[in-house]
Structure formats: structure tokens, C-alpha cells
Amino acid sequence: SIEHFLSIQGASLDTKNSEIYQPIKTGKRLLTYKRFGGRLNNQLFQFITALQHAKVLKRTLVVPDEVREVDWTGMFDTAYGIWDIDRLNAAYDIDWKSGLSQDFQMSIPEECVLTPVEGRKLLNGGPQLWEEWDSRCPDVIDLAGNTGLLFCKQQHQFCGDSEAQLEAYQIYSHFSLSPSLLQHIPSKKEEFKGKGYDELAIHSRRAGEGMYDWEMCVKGNTRTCKGHVKANGYCDTRTMKGNCAIWLDIDYQIKSRKYLKKNQADYRFVLASDGTHDWSIDFDGQFIVANNTDWLLDLEKTINGEITNGKS
């Protein structure tokens, strides 16, 4: 039993897994994953999941190459000034180079590429299971992930005990958009400062993101619904089609209660829109639309300057 194991170790029942698990420093002790694709939110969730596993398992995260267009996050392209990841690199053991090599991917033993079932069990298994994987794969563990995102219990929930899940959430505080990009956010501009637009950002969602693909929308909304709603009868196909046919209410999109307003007329928000719906119908004068034109023009100026100075 776990009580017997802890008594042997001379530890109390409150001892954290990070204290119990002290792996022998053999092998390269790397961890990587295969990219799932999708848009930026999915990419970041997969990156943070992998880094969480690397932190808990006391391994170095090897970030895989961005091969397809849907893999692109901008994290490798530091010259573009999209992300500020200095604090991330200072806090975590991350290898940004090895994953760019095809030889590295080809060198991973097949038995060290986790199946979806093995992936969901890994952090939940605790130190004893981690030691088994250390013995089996001392050099590298591949979380895979090309078959889908790694959720535990419900959609977008990280795996592991409370300590492990907290590790995942702490990662978010170690990286942010770069100052050169943040200066172009609409809510930072003088005419909008102090008017509440910096509290909330909304991403417009509709069936197929502007395309009316019922199957895509219904399946995605059903998974999300079942991940957040425990009562039966709310995630049926008819209801999900309703969500796909009309714009999702802002209250539905907001996941943090502190940003909820008593009246929809009180909302002020920045809108990232795919352009398939006129938000002015319901929220006239309550939002400003995110526009990356200024940032792109500034980036073009920076790149042209580097080319002129012979730096690129």
C-alpha cells in the first residue's frame, strides 16, 4: 500500500510526489511530443502539458519542430518578437534545438512512444510508475499527442495530482506576449485606456469557424459541453446545433466568474473575429476589434532595417 511505501521511506502521508521521486541520473532524461496541430490555444495547451510532464518527471523538454502550417506558434522565430520567453527558459529545462533534427525524431525507440492510454496514466501513476518508465526509457519519453490532446477526467484538464496540475498552471505565468506586440493591442491605445476594454477578450466561434460544417461544430461543442456540464440532457444534438446556428452568448464563453457582468450592456471587450457575424447587432459600441495591421507594418519595418544593416 502507499502507506507502507511511505513508512519505508520515512515520509508522512503529506509528502509530495516531487519529494518522493528522486530518479537516478542515468541516460539523457529527455521528454518530447508529437504535434497535434490546431490553432494556437491547442498548440499552447500541448506545449504546457509536455512541459508539465517534463517538470514532474525531472526531464528536459525537447520542443519538436513546427513542420506544418498548423504547427506554427512563433516560439522558434524569436526575430519576429511575438513571445517573451526569457522567464520560461530561466525557470525550466528546455531544449529548443534537438527537436529541429529529423535524426532525433527517428532515434526515439518505439516502446518509448506512449499510446493515448499510457499518456493519460503516466502522471496519475505516481513515483512507482515513473521509475518503471525511467528503467524502460532512460534517454527519451515521447508523449506522442498526434492523435489528440492529452486530457484527464474532463476536457482541457491537466493530468496528475493537485501538485502536478499546479505545475501546469504555473507555467502560464512564465511567458507572455512580447512588449513589441503588446504595444499594438487595442486596449493599450490612448483612446481606449481606462475604459474597461483590457478586462476581457472574446474569440468569435461559429460552425467551422466561418464555414457551416455542422459535423465539425456539433462534435466539438458536444465534447466541450460534456466536459463542463454534468447534468444529463443539456448536450444533445439539437441543443448543440442551436449553439452552432446562433452566436454563443458571452456569458457562455467566459470561464472566470469575476469577469461576468449583471447586464450584457455592461460588457466592454476586445473582439478577435473571423468576420462571419456582425457583433454590432447585439453589442454596438461595446467592443473594439483586434487588428494586427499595425504590428505587421512595424515588423516589416524592423525586418527591412535588419536587411539594410546586413543582419539578415
C-alpha atoms as a PDB file:
ATOM      1  CA  SER A   1       0.000   0.000   0.000  1.00  0.00           C
ATOM      2  CA  ILE A   2       1.025   3.672  -0.333  1.00  0.00           C
ATOM      3  CA  GLU A   3       1.029   3.972   3.479  1.00  0.00           C
ATOM      4  CA  HIS A   4       3.527   1.083   3.697  1.00  0.00           C
ATOM      5  CA  PHE A   5       5.647   2.597   0.953  1.00  0.00           C
ATOM      6  CA  LEU A   6       5.773   5.963   2.718  1.00  0.00           C
ATOM      7  CA  SER A   7       6.605   4.400   6.073  1.00  0.00           C
ATOM      8  CA  ILE A   8       9.561   2.623   4.484  1.00  0.00           C
ATOM      9  CA  GLN A   9      10.721   5.933   3.018  1.00  0.00           C
ATOM     10  CA  GLY A  10      10.368   7.600   6.403  1.00  0.00           C
ATOM     11  CA  ALA A  11       7.866  10.069   4.985  1.00  0.00           C
ATOM     12  CA  SER A  12       4.452  11.253   6.097  1.00  0.00           C
ATOM     13  CA  LEU A  13       1.235  10.899   4.146  1.00  0.00           C
ATOM     14  CA  ASP A  14       1.567  14.598   3.267  1.00  0.00           C
ATOM     15  CA  THR A  15       4.863  14.113   1.448  1.00  0.00           C
ATOM     16  CA  LYS A  16       4.662  15.408  -2.109  1.00  0.00           C
ATOM     17  CA  ASN A  17       5.461  13.244  -5.104  1.00  0.00           C
ATOM     18  CA  SER A  18       8.190  15.711  -6.068  1.00  0.00           C
ATOM     19  CA  GLU A  19       9.951  14.840  -2.813  1.00  0.00           C
ATOM     20  CA  ILE A  20       9.375  11.088  -3.057  1.00  0.00           C
ATOM     21  CA  TYR A  21      10.512  10.850  -6.676  1.00  0.00           C
ATOM     22  CA  GLN A  22      14.307  11.162  -6.839  1.00  0.00           C
ATOM     23  CA  PRO A  23      15.339   9.475 -10.106  1.00  0.00           C
ATOM     24  CA  ILE A  24      18.785   8.058 -10.689  1.00  0.00           C
ATOM     25  CA  LYS A  25      20.615  10.309 -13.152  1.00  0.00           C
ATOM     26  CA  THR A  26      21.122   7.740 -15.902  1.00  0.00           C
ATOM     27  CA  GLY A  27      20.529   8.271 -19.609  1.00  0.00           C
ATOM     28  CA  LYS A  28      19.789  11.586 -21.326  1.00  0.00           C
ATOM     29  CA  ARG A  29      16.483  12.052 -19.468  1.00  0.00           C
ATOM     30  CA  LEU A  30      14.603  13.820 -22.264  1.00  0.00           C
ATOM     31  CA  LEU A  31      10.878  14.171 -22.941  1.00  0.00           C
ATOM     32  CA  THR A  32       9.207  15.253 -26.170  1.00  0.00           C
ATOM     33  CA  TYR A  33       5.884  15.051 -28.002  1.00  0.00           C
ATOM     34  CA  LYS A  34       4.359  14.959 -31.463  1.00  0.00           C
ATOM     35  CA  ARG A  35       2.378  17.986 -32.573  1.00  0.00           C
ATOM     36  CA  PHE A  36      -1.375  17.703 -32.814  1.00  0.00           C
ATOM     37  CA  GLY A  37      -1.864  20.831 -34.919  1.00  0.00           C
ATOM     38  CA  GLY A  38      -4.895  23.019 -34.493  1.00  0.00           C
ATOM     39  CA  ARG A  39      -4.931  26.675 -33.637  1.00  0.00           C
ATOM     40  CA  LEU A  40      -2.835  28.494 -31.084  1.00  0.00           C
ATOM     41  CA  ASN A  41      -4.844  27.556 -27.985  1.00  0.00           C
ATOM     42  CA  ASN A  42      -4.426  23.842 -28.725  1.00  0.00           C
ATOM     43  CA  GLN A  43      -0.751  24.325 -29.531  1.00  0.00           C
ATOM     44  CA  LEU A  44      -0.117  26.103 -26.239  1.00  0.00           C
ATOM     45  CA  PHE A  45      -2.096  23.537 -24.252  1.00  0.00           C
ATOM     46  CA  GLN A  46       0.004  20.758 -25.787  1.00  0.00           C
ATOM     47  CA  PHE A  47       3.255  22.622 -25.115  1.00  0.00           C
ATOM     48  CA  ILE A  48       2.314  23.324 -21.491  1.00  0.00           C
ATOM     49  CA  THR A  49       1.182  19.716 -20.990  1.00  0.00           C
ATOM     50  CA  ALA A  50       4.548  18.444 -22.234  1.00  0.00           C
ATOM     51  CA  LEU A  51       6.497  20.932 -20.113  1.00  0.00           C
ATOM     52  CA  GLN A  52       4.405  19.967 -17.087  1.00  0.00           C
ATOM     53  CA  HIS A  53       5.310  16.302 -17.653  1.00  0.00           C
ATOM     54  CA  ALA A  54       8.983  17.173 -18.081  1.00  0.00           C
ATOM     55  CA  LYS A  55       8.974  19.185 -14.847  1.00  0.00           C
ATOM     56  CA  VAL A  56       7.213  16.496 -12.812  1.00  0.00           C
ATOM     57  CA  LEU A  57       9.333  13.686 -14.284  1.00  0.00           C
ATOM     58  CA  LYS A  58      12.525  15.764 -13.863  1.00  0.00           C
ATOM     59  CA  ARG A  59      13.472  15.575 -17.519  1.00  0.00           C
ATOM     60  CA  THR A  60      14.471  18.085 -20.197  1.00  0.00           C
ATOM     61  CA  LEU A  61      11.724  19.046 -22.627  1.00  0.00           C
ATOM     62  CA  VAL A  62      12.783  18.784 -26.263  1.00  0.00           C
ATOM     63  CA  VAL A  63      10.404  21.015 -28.225  1.00  0.00           C
ATOM     64  CA  PRO A  64       9.505  19.374 -31.579  1.00  0.00           C
ATOM     65  CA  ASP A  65       9.880  21.215 -34.856  1.00  0.00           C
ATOM     66  CA  GLU A  66       6.984  23.139 -36.380  1.00  0.00           C
ATOM     67  CA  VAL A  67       6.740  21.342 -39.726  1.00  0.00           C
ATOM     68  CA  ARG A  68       3.200  22.082 -40.955  1.00  0.00           C
ATOM     69  CA  GLU A  69       1.478  25.461 -41.132  1.00  0.00           C
ATOM     70  CA  VAL A  70      -0.955  24.346 -38.403  1.00  0.00           C
ATOM     71  CA  ASP A  71       2.038  23.664 -36.125  1.00  0.00           C
ATOM     72  CA  TRP A  72       3.297  27.238 -36.131  1.00  0.00           C
ATOM     73  CA  THR A  73       3.336  29.126 -32.827  1.00  0.00           C
ATOM     74  CA  GLY A  74       6.112  31.641 -33.464  1.00  0.00           C
ATOM     75  CA  MET A  75       8.110  30.402 -30.458  1.00  0.00           C
ATOM     76  CA  PHE A  76      11.081  29.354 -32.590  1.00  0.00           C
ATOM     77  CA  ASP A  77      11.001  32.565 -34.625  1.00  0.00           C
ATOM     78  CA  THR A  78      12.387  34.863 -31.954  1.00  0.00           C
ATOM     79  CA  ALA A  79      13.231  37.572 -34.509  1.00  0.00           C
ATOM     80  CA  TYR A  80       9.513  38.184 -35.019  1.00  0.00           C
ATOM     81  CA  GLY A  81       9.163  39.386 -31.432  1.00  0.00           C
ATOM     82  CA  ILE A  82       5.919  37.547 -30.716  1.00  0.00           C
ATOM     83  CA  TRP A  83       6.725  35.911 -27.389  1.00  0.00           C
ATOM     84  CA  ASP A  84       8.715  36.872 -24.325  1.00  0.00           C
ATOM     85  CA  ILE A  85      10.043  33.513 -23.137  1.00  0.00           C
ATOM     86  CA  ASP A  86      13.121  34.592 -21.174  1.00  0.00           C
ATOM     87  CA  ARG A  87      11.457  33.799 -17.829  1.00  0.00           C
ATOM     88  CA  LEU A  88      10.264  30.474 -19.233  1.00  0.00           C
ATOM     89  CA  ASN A  89      13.791  29.444 -20.240  1.00  0.00           C
ATOM     90  CA  ALA A  90      15.171  30.580 -16.889  1.00  0.00           C
ATOM     91  CA  ALA A  91      12.632  28.560 -14.892  1.00  0.00           C
ATOM     92  CA  TYR A  92      12.524  25.328 -16.899  1.00  0.00           C
ATOM     93  CA  ASP A  93      14.926  22.939 -18.592  1.00  0.00           C
ATOM     94  CA  ILE A  94      14.001  23.322 -22.269  1.00  0.00           C
ATOM     95  CA  ASP A  95      15.934  22.245 -25.369  1.00  0.00           C
ATOM     96  CA  TRP A  96      14.872  24.291 -28.418  1.00  0.00           C
ATOM     97  CA  LYS A  97      17.466  22.796 -30.793  1.00  0.00           C
ATOM     98  CA  SER A  98      17.431  18.986 -30.719  1.00  0.00           C
ATOM     99  CA  GLY A  99      13.804  18.750 -31.812  1.00  0.00           C
ATOM    100  CA  LEU A 100      14.610  20.510 -35.084  1.00  0.00           C
ATOM    101  CA  SER A 101      16.629  17.477 -36.171  1.00  0.00           C
ATOM    102  CA  GLN A 102      14.869  14.669 -38.022  1.00  0.00           C
ATOM    103  CA  ASP A 103      17.538  12.339 -36.661  1.00  0.00           C
ATOM    104  CA  PHE A 104      16.311  12.997 -33.124  1.00  0.00           C
ATOM    105  CA  GLN A 105      12.748  12.024 -34.010  1.00  0.00           C
ATOM    106  CA  MET A 106      13.922   8.885 -35.793  1.00  0.00           C
ATOM    107  CA  SER A 107      16.063   7.845 -32.834  1.00  0.00           C
ATOM    108  CA  ILE A 108      13.168   7.520 -30.371  1.00  0.00           C
ATOM    109  CA  PRO A 109      12.541   3.820 -29.588  1.00  0.00           C
ATOM    110  CA  GLU A 110       9.052   2.664 -30.491  1.00  0.00           C
ATOM    111  CA  GLU A 111       8.458   1.338 -26.977  1.00  0.00           C
ATOM    112  CA  CYS A 112       9.104   4.838 -25.612  1.00  0.00           C
ATOM    113  CA  VAL A 113       6.313   6.448 -27.672  1.00  0.00           C
ATOM    114  CA  LEU A 114       3.277   6.475 -25.397  1.00  0.00           C
ATOM    115  CA  THR A 115      -0.179   5.434 -26.501  1.00  0.00           C
ATOM    116  CA  PRO A 116      -3.095   7.722 -25.547  1.00  0.00           C
ATOM    117  CA  VAL A 117      -3.985   5.376 -22.684  1.00  0.00           C
ATOM    118  CA  GLU A 118      -0.397   5.307 -21.394  1.00  0.00           C
ATOM    119  CA  GLY A 119      -0.229   9.085 -21.680  1.00  0.00           C
ATOM    120  CA  ARG A 120      -3.299   9.621 -19.509  1.00  0.00           C
ATOM    121  CA  LYS A 121      -1.998   7.183 -16.890  1.00  0.00           C
ATOM    122  CA  LEU A 122       1.561   8.498 -16.660  1.00  0.00           C
ATOM    123  CA  LEU A 123       1.313  11.391 -14.192  1.00  0.00           C
ATOM    124  CA  ASN A 124      -1.562   9.785 -12.333  1.00  0.00           C
ATOM    125  CA  GLY A 125       0.568   6.685 -11.728  1.00  0.00           C
ATOM    126  CA  GLY A 126       2.959   8.400  -9.327  1.00  0.00           C
ATOM    127  CA  PRO A 127       6.626   7.731  -8.494  1.00  0.00           C
ATOM    128  CA  GLN A 128       6.469   3.955  -8.789  1.00  0.00           C
ATOM    129  CA  LEU A 129       5.210   4.129 -12.392  1.00  0.00           C
ATOM    130  CA  TRP A 130       7.679   6.910 -13.221  1.00  0.00           C
ATOM    131  CA  GLU A 131      10.565   4.738 -12.078  1.00  0.00           C
ATOM    132  CA  GLU A 132       9.319   1.934 -14.313  1.00  0.00           C
ATOM    133  CA  TRP A 133       9.385   4.295 -17.315  1.00  0.00           C
ATOM    134  CA  ASP A 134      12.845   5.521 -16.277  1.00  0.00           C
ATOM    135  CA  SER A 135      14.099   1.955 -16.405  1.00  0.00           C
ATOM    136  CA  ARG A 136      12.407   1.327 -19.762  1.00  0.00           C
ATOM    137  CA  CYS A 137      13.254   4.666 -21.409  1.00  0.00           C
ATOM    138  CA  PRO A 138      16.220   6.358 -19.691  1.00  0.00           C
ATOM    139  CA  ASP A 139      17.007   8.557 -22.710  1.00  0.00           C
ATOM    140  CA  VAL A 140      13.683   9.845 -24.017  1.00  0.00           C
ATOM    141  CA  ILE A 141       9.944   9.506 -23.489  1.00  0.00           C
ATOM    142  CA  ASP A 142       7.645  10.636 -26.294  1.00  0.00           C
ATOM    143  CA  LEU A 143       4.181  11.693 -25.122  1.00  0.00           C
ATOM    144  CA  ALA A 144       3.016  11.355 -28.735  1.00  0.00           C
ATOM    145  CA  GLY A 145      -0.070  13.548 -28.990  1.00  0.00           C
ATOM    146  CA  ASN A 146      -0.554  13.468 -32.745  1.00  0.00           C
ATOM    147  CA  THR A 147      -3.793  11.575 -32.125  1.00  0.00           C
ATOM    148  CA  GLY A 148      -5.274  14.284 -29.912  1.00  0.00           C
ATOM    149  CA  LEU A 149      -4.714  16.488 -26.882  1.00  0.00           C
ATOM    150  CA  LEU A 150      -3.895  14.868 -23.549  1.00  0.00           C
ATOM    151  CA  PHE A 151      -6.841  15.463 -21.224  1.00  0.00           C
ATOM    152  CA  CYS A 152      -7.587  13.761 -17.904  1.00  0.00           C
ATOM    153  CA  LYS A 153     -11.092  13.405 -16.399  1.00  0.00           C
ATOM    154  CA  GLN A 154     -12.593  16.208 -18.472  1.00  0.00           C
ATOM    155  CA  GLN A 155     -11.779  18.376 -21.464  1.00  0.00           C
ATOM    156  CA  HIS A 156      -8.808  20.723 -21.009  1.00  0.00           C
ATOM    157  CA  GLN A 157      -7.967  19.318 -17.579  1.00  0.00           C
ATOM    158  CA  PHE A 158      -4.308  18.565 -16.951  1.00  0.00           C
ATOM    159  CA  CYS A 159      -3.294  15.156 -15.603  1.00  0.00           C
ATOM    160  CA  GLY A 160      -1.761  14.243 -12.272  1.00  0.00           C
ATOM    161  CA  ASP A 161      -2.494  15.047  -8.647  1.00  0.00           C
ATOM    162  CA  SER A 162      -3.028  18.584  -7.341  1.00  0.00           C
ATOM    163  CA  GLU A 163       0.717  19.228  -7.187  1.00  0.00           C
ATOM    164  CA  ALA A 164       1.225  18.150 -10.795  1.00  0.00           C
ATOM    165  CA  GLN A 165      -1.751  20.152 -12.048  1.00  0.00           C
ATOM    166  CA  LEU A 166      -0.496  23.232 -10.219  1.00  0.00           C
ATOM    167  CA  GLU A 167       2.838  22.832 -12.033  1.00  0.00           C
ATOM    168  CA  ALA A 168       0.948  23.143 -15.320  1.00  0.00           C
ATOM    169  CA  TYR A 169      -0.880  26.305 -14.307  1.00  0.00           C
ATOM    170  CA  GLN A 170       2.311  27.899 -13.018  1.00  0.00           C
ATOM    171  CA  ILE A 171       3.862  27.611 -16.474  1.00  0.00           C
ATOM    172  CA  TYR A 172       1.418  30.200 -17.808  1.00  0.00           C
ATOM    173  CA  SER A 173       2.947  32.846 -15.546  1.00  0.00           C
ATOM    174  CA  HIS A 174       6.398  32.374 -17.076  1.00  0.00           C
ATOM    175  CA  PHE A 175       5.748  33.537 -20.601  1.00  0.00           C
ATOM    176  CA  SER A 176       3.796  36.300 -22.257  1.00  0.00           C
ATOM    177  CA  LEU A 177       3.454  38.216 -25.482  1.00  0.00           C
ATOM    178  CA  SER A 178       6.475  40.398 -26.199  1.00  0.00           C
ATOM    179  CA  PRO A 179       6.371  44.133 -25.391  1.00  0.00           C
ATOM    180  CA  SER A 180       6.766  44.902 -29.110  1.00  0.00           C
ATOM    181  CA  LEU A 181       3.488  43.066 -29.766  1.00  0.00           C
ATOM    182  CA  LEU A 182       1.634  44.146 -26.632  1.00  0.00           C
ATOM    183  CA  GLN A 183       2.002  47.802 -27.560  1.00  0.00           C
ATOM    184  CA  HIS A 184      -0.325  47.192 -30.524  1.00  0.00           C
ATOM    185  CA  ILE A 185      -3.149  45.638 -28.525  1.00  0.00           C
ATOM    186  CA  PRO A 186      -6.193  47.926 -28.988  1.00  0.00           C
ATOM    187  CA  SER A 187      -6.841  48.324 -25.270  1.00  0.00           C
ATOM    188  CA  LYS A 188      -3.310  49.770 -24.866  1.00  0.00           C
ATOM    189  CA  LYS A 189      -4.018  52.672 -27.210  1.00  0.00           C
ATOM    190  CA  GLU A 190      -4.685  56.091 -25.694  1.00  0.00           C
ATOM    191  CA  GLU A 191      -8.262  56.437 -26.947  1.00  0.00           C
ATOM    192  CA  PHE A 192      -9.287  53.214 -25.193  1.00  0.00           C
ATOM    193  CA  LYS A 193      -7.258  53.353 -21.954  1.00  0.00           C
ATOM    194  CA  GLY A 194      -9.224  53.254 -18.719  1.00  0.00           C
ATOM    195  CA  LYS A 195     -12.477  52.275 -20.396  1.00  0.00           C
ATOM    196  CA  GLY A 196     -12.513  48.607 -19.378  1.00  0.00           C
ATOM    197  CA  TYR A 197     -11.565  47.064 -22.712  1.00  0.00           C
ATOM    198  CA  ASP A 198      -8.491  45.468 -21.198  1.00  0.00           C
ATOM    199  CA  GLU A 199     -10.561  43.215 -18.910  1.00  0.00           C
ATOM    200  CA  LEU A 200     -11.914  40.831 -21.492  1.00  0.00           C
ATOM    201  CA  ALA A 201     -11.094  39.402 -24.917  1.00  0.00           C
ATOM    202  CA  ILE A 202     -13.564  37.328 -26.921  1.00  0.00           C
ATOM    203  CA  HIS A 203     -12.824  34.938 -29.776  1.00  0.00           C
ATOM    204  CA  SER A 204     -15.831  34.588 -32.051  1.00  0.00           C
ATOM    205  CA  ARG A 205     -16.859  30.990 -32.686  1.00  0.00           C
ATOM    206  CA  ARG A 206     -19.284  29.601 -35.190  1.00  0.00           C
ATOM    207  CA  ALA A 207     -19.782  26.349 -37.081  1.00  0.00           C
ATOM    208  CA  GLY A 208     -16.450  25.525 -38.670  1.00  0.00           C
ATOM    209  CA  GLU A 209     -15.075  28.971 -37.796  1.00  0.00           C
ATOM    210  CA  GLY A 210     -16.939  30.739 -40.580  1.00  0.00           C
ATOM    211  CA  MET A 211     -17.734  27.627 -42.624  1.00  0.00           C
ATOM    212  CA  TYR A 212     -21.036  25.943 -41.897  1.00  0.00           C
ATOM    213  CA  ASP A 213     -19.693  22.483 -41.185  1.00  0.00           C
ATOM    214  CA  TRP A 214     -22.347  21.038 -38.895  1.00  0.00           C
ATOM    215  CA  GLU A 215     -20.478  17.863 -38.067  1.00  0.00           C
ATOM    216  CA  MET A 216     -17.333  19.736 -37.039  1.00  0.00           C
ATOM    217  CA  CYS A 217     -19.218  22.187 -34.879  1.00  0.00           C
ATOM    218  CA  VAL A 218     -21.625  19.733 -33.240  1.00  0.00           C
ATOM    219  CA  LYS A 219     -18.871  17.275 -32.316  1.00  0.00           C
ATOM    220  CA  GLY A 220     -16.623  19.987 -30.877  1.00  0.00           C
ATOM    221  CA  ASN A 221     -19.388  21.672 -28.915  1.00  0.00           C
ATOM    222  CA  THR A 222     -20.612  18.327 -27.574  1.00  0.00           C
ATOM    223  CA  ARG A 223     -17.160  17.452 -26.204  1.00  0.00           C
ATOM    224  CA  THR A 224     -16.856  20.879 -24.591  1.00  0.00           C
ATOM    225  CA  CYS A 225     -20.377  20.685 -23.172  1.00  0.00           C
ATOM    226  CA  LYS A 226     -19.855  17.259 -21.629  1.00  0.00           C
ATOM    227  CA  GLY A 227     -16.559  18.418 -20.160  1.00  0.00           C
ATOM    228  CA  HIS A 228     -18.233  21.262 -18.265  1.00  0.00           C
ATOM    229  CA  VAL A 229     -21.857  20.204 -17.722  1.00  0.00           C
ATOM    230  CA  LYS A 230     -22.501  17.173 -15.529  1.00  0.00           C
ATOM    231  CA  ALA A 231     -26.309  17.103 -15.702  1.00  0.00           C
ATOM    232  CA  ASN A 232     -27.896  14.952 -18.399  1.00  0.00           C
ATOM    233  CA  GLY A 233     -29.994  16.416 -21.192  1.00  0.00           C
ATOM    234  CA  TYR A 234     -28.014  19.564 -21.944  1.00  0.00           C
ATOM    235  CA  CYS A 235     -25.564  18.243 -24.535  1.00  0.00           C
ATOM    236  CA  ASP A 236     -27.962  16.620 -27.018  1.00  0.00           C
ATOM    237  CA  THR A 237     -27.511  17.135 -30.766  1.00  0.00           C
ATOM    238  CA  ARG A 238     -30.460  19.517 -31.077  1.00  0.00           C
ATOM    239  CA  THR A 239     -29.052  21.838 -28.395  1.00  0.00           C
ATOM    240  CA  MET A 240     -25.587  21.703 -29.914  1.00  0.00           C
ATOM    241  CA  LYS A 241     -26.995  22.609 -33.339  1.00  0.00           C
ATOM    242  CA  GLY A 242     -28.615  25.574 -31.673  1.00  0.00           C
ATOM    243  CA  ASN A 243     -25.213  26.662 -30.377  1.00  0.00           C
ATOM    244  CA  CYS A 244     -23.803  26.324 -33.868  1.00  0.00           C
ATOM    245  CA  ALA A 245     -26.668  28.187 -35.534  1.00  0.00           C
ATOM    246  CA  ILE A 246     -26.549  31.247 -33.256  1.00  0.00           C
ATOM    247  CA  TRP A 247     -23.652  33.106 -31.700  1.00  0.00           C
ATOM    248  CA  LEU A 248     -22.557  31.804 -28.357  1.00  0.00           C
ATOM    249  CA  ASP A 249     -23.507  34.144 -25.575  1.00  0.00           C
ATOM    250  CA  ILE A 250     -20.622  35.990 -23.927  1.00  0.00           C
ATOM    251  CA  ASP A 251     -21.614  34.584 -20.534  1.00  0.00           C
ATOM    252  CA  TYR A 252     -21.202  31.097 -22.020  1.00  0.00           C
ATOM    253  CA  GLN A 253     -17.712  31.873 -23.277  1.00  0.00           C
ATOM    254  CA  ILE A 254     -16.413  33.376 -20.043  1.00  0.00           C
ATOM    255  CA  LYS A 255     -14.841  30.742 -17.800  1.00  0.00           C
ATOM    256  CA  SER A 256     -13.961  33.030 -14.868  1.00  0.00           C
ATOM    257  CA  ARG A 257     -16.823  34.333 -12.714  1.00  0.00           C
ATOM    258  CA  LYS A 258     -15.000  37.540 -11.819  1.00  0.00           C
ATOM    259  CA  TYR A 259     -15.483  38.815 -15.375  1.00  0.00           C
ATOM    260  CA  LEU A 260     -19.221  38.125 -15.524  1.00  0.00           C
ATOM    261  CA  LYS A 261     -21.472  41.201 -15.684  1.00  0.00           C
ATOM    262  CA  LYS A 262     -25.026  41.552 -14.402  1.00  0.00           C
ATOM    263  CA  ASN A 263     -26.155  43.039 -17.718  1.00  0.00           C
ATOM    264  CA  GLN A 264     -24.723  42.397 -21.170  1.00  0.00           C
ATOM    265  CA  ALA A 265     -24.784  46.136 -21.821  1.00  0.00           C
ATOM    266  CA  ASP A 266     -22.059  46.496 -19.178  1.00  0.00           C
ATOM    267  CA  TYR A 267     -19.505  44.449 -21.132  1.00  0.00           C
ATOM    268  CA  ARG A 268     -16.510  46.097 -22.788  1.00  0.00           C
ATOM    269  CA  PHE A 269     -14.244  43.755 -24.696  1.00  0.00           C
ATOM    270  CA  VAL A 270     -11.661  43.288 -27.425  1.00  0.00           C
ATOM    271  CA  LEU A 271     -13.007  41.093 -30.218  1.00  0.00           C
ATOM    272  CA  ALA A 272     -10.952  38.698 -32.317  1.00  0.00           C
ATOM    273  CA  SER A 273     -13.497  37.992 -35.048  1.00  0.00           C
ATOM    274  CA  ASP A 274     -13.496  35.753 -38.106  1.00  0.00           C
ATOM    275  CA  GLY A 275     -15.834  38.262 -39.734  1.00  0.00           C
ATOM    276  CA  THR A 276     -18.842  36.000 -40.257  1.00  0.00           C
ATOM    277  CA  HIS A 277     -21.111  37.783 -37.791  1.00  0.00           C
ATOM    278  CA  ASP A 278     -21.982  41.418 -37.142  1.00  0.00           C
ATOM    279  CA  TRP A 279     -21.403  41.783 -33.401  1.00  0.00           C
ATOM    280  CA  SER A 280     -22.817  45.313 -33.572  1.00  0.00           C
ATOM    281  CA  ILE A 281     -26.295  43.813 -33.739  1.00  0.00           C
ATOM    282  CA  ASP A 282     -26.095  42.825 -30.081  1.00  0.00           C
ATOM    283  CA  PHE A 283     -23.082  44.756 -28.725  1.00  0.00           C
ATOM    284  CA  ASP A 284     -22.952  48.056 -30.591  1.00  0.00           C
ATOM    285  CA  GLY A 285     -20.322  50.349 -29.089  1.00  0.00           C
ATOM    286  CA  GLN A 286     -19.217  47.786 -26.507  1.00  0.00           C
ATOM    287  CA  PHE A 287     -16.182  46.331 -28.257  1.00  0.00           C
ATOM    288  CA  ILE A 288     -13.096  47.145 -30.290  1.00  0.00           C
ATOM    289  CA  VAL A 289     -11.830  44.774 -32.964  1.00  0.00           C
ATOM    290  CA  ALA A 290      -8.304  43.377 -32.727  1.00  0.00           C
ATOM    291  CA  ASN A 291      -6.297  44.248 -35.824  1.00  0.00           C
ATOM    292  CA  ASN A 292      -2.719  43.075 -36.419  1.00  0.00           C
ATOM    293  CA  THR A 293      -2.016  45.506 -39.287  1.00  0.00           C
ATOM    294  CA  ASP A 294      -0.024  47.951 -37.150  1.00  0.00           C
ATOM    295  CA  TRP A 295       2.090  45.145 -35.726  1.00  0.00           C
ATOM    296  CA  LEU A 296       2.753  43.684 -39.185  1.00  0.00           C
ATOM    297  CA  LEU A 297       3.794  47.094 -40.532  1.00  0.00           C
ATOM    298  CA  ASP A 298       6.095  47.581 -37.542  1.00  0.00           C
ATOM    299  CA  LEU A 299       7.540  44.091 -38.045  1.00  0.00           C
ATOM    300  CA  GLU A 300       8.120  44.797 -41.746  1.00  0.00           C
ATOM    301  CA  LYS A 301       9.971  47.986 -40.813  1.00  0.00           C
ATOM    302  CA  THR A 302      12.163  46.082 -38.344  1.00  0.00           C
ATOM    303  CA  ILE A 303      12.994  43.319 -40.852  1.00  0.00           C
ATOM    304  CA  ASN A 304      13.781  45.827 -43.616  1.00  0.00           C
ATOM    305  CA  GLY A 305      16.074  47.643 -41.205  1.00  0.00           C
ATOM    306  CA  GLU A 306      17.947  44.440 -40.422  1.00  0.00           C
ATOM    307  CA  ILE A 307      18.329  43.637 -44.119  1.00  0.00           C
ATOM    308  CA  THR A 308      19.619  47.146 -44.805  1.00  0.00           C
ATOM    309  CA  ASN A 309      22.156  46.799 -41.998  1.00  0.00           C
ATOM    310  CA  GLY A 310      23.251  43.399 -43.279  1.00  0.00           C
ATOM    311  CA  LYS A 311      21.989  41.489 -40.260  1.00  0.00           C
ATOM    312  CA  SER A 312      19.722  39.153 -42.180  1.00  0.00           C
END
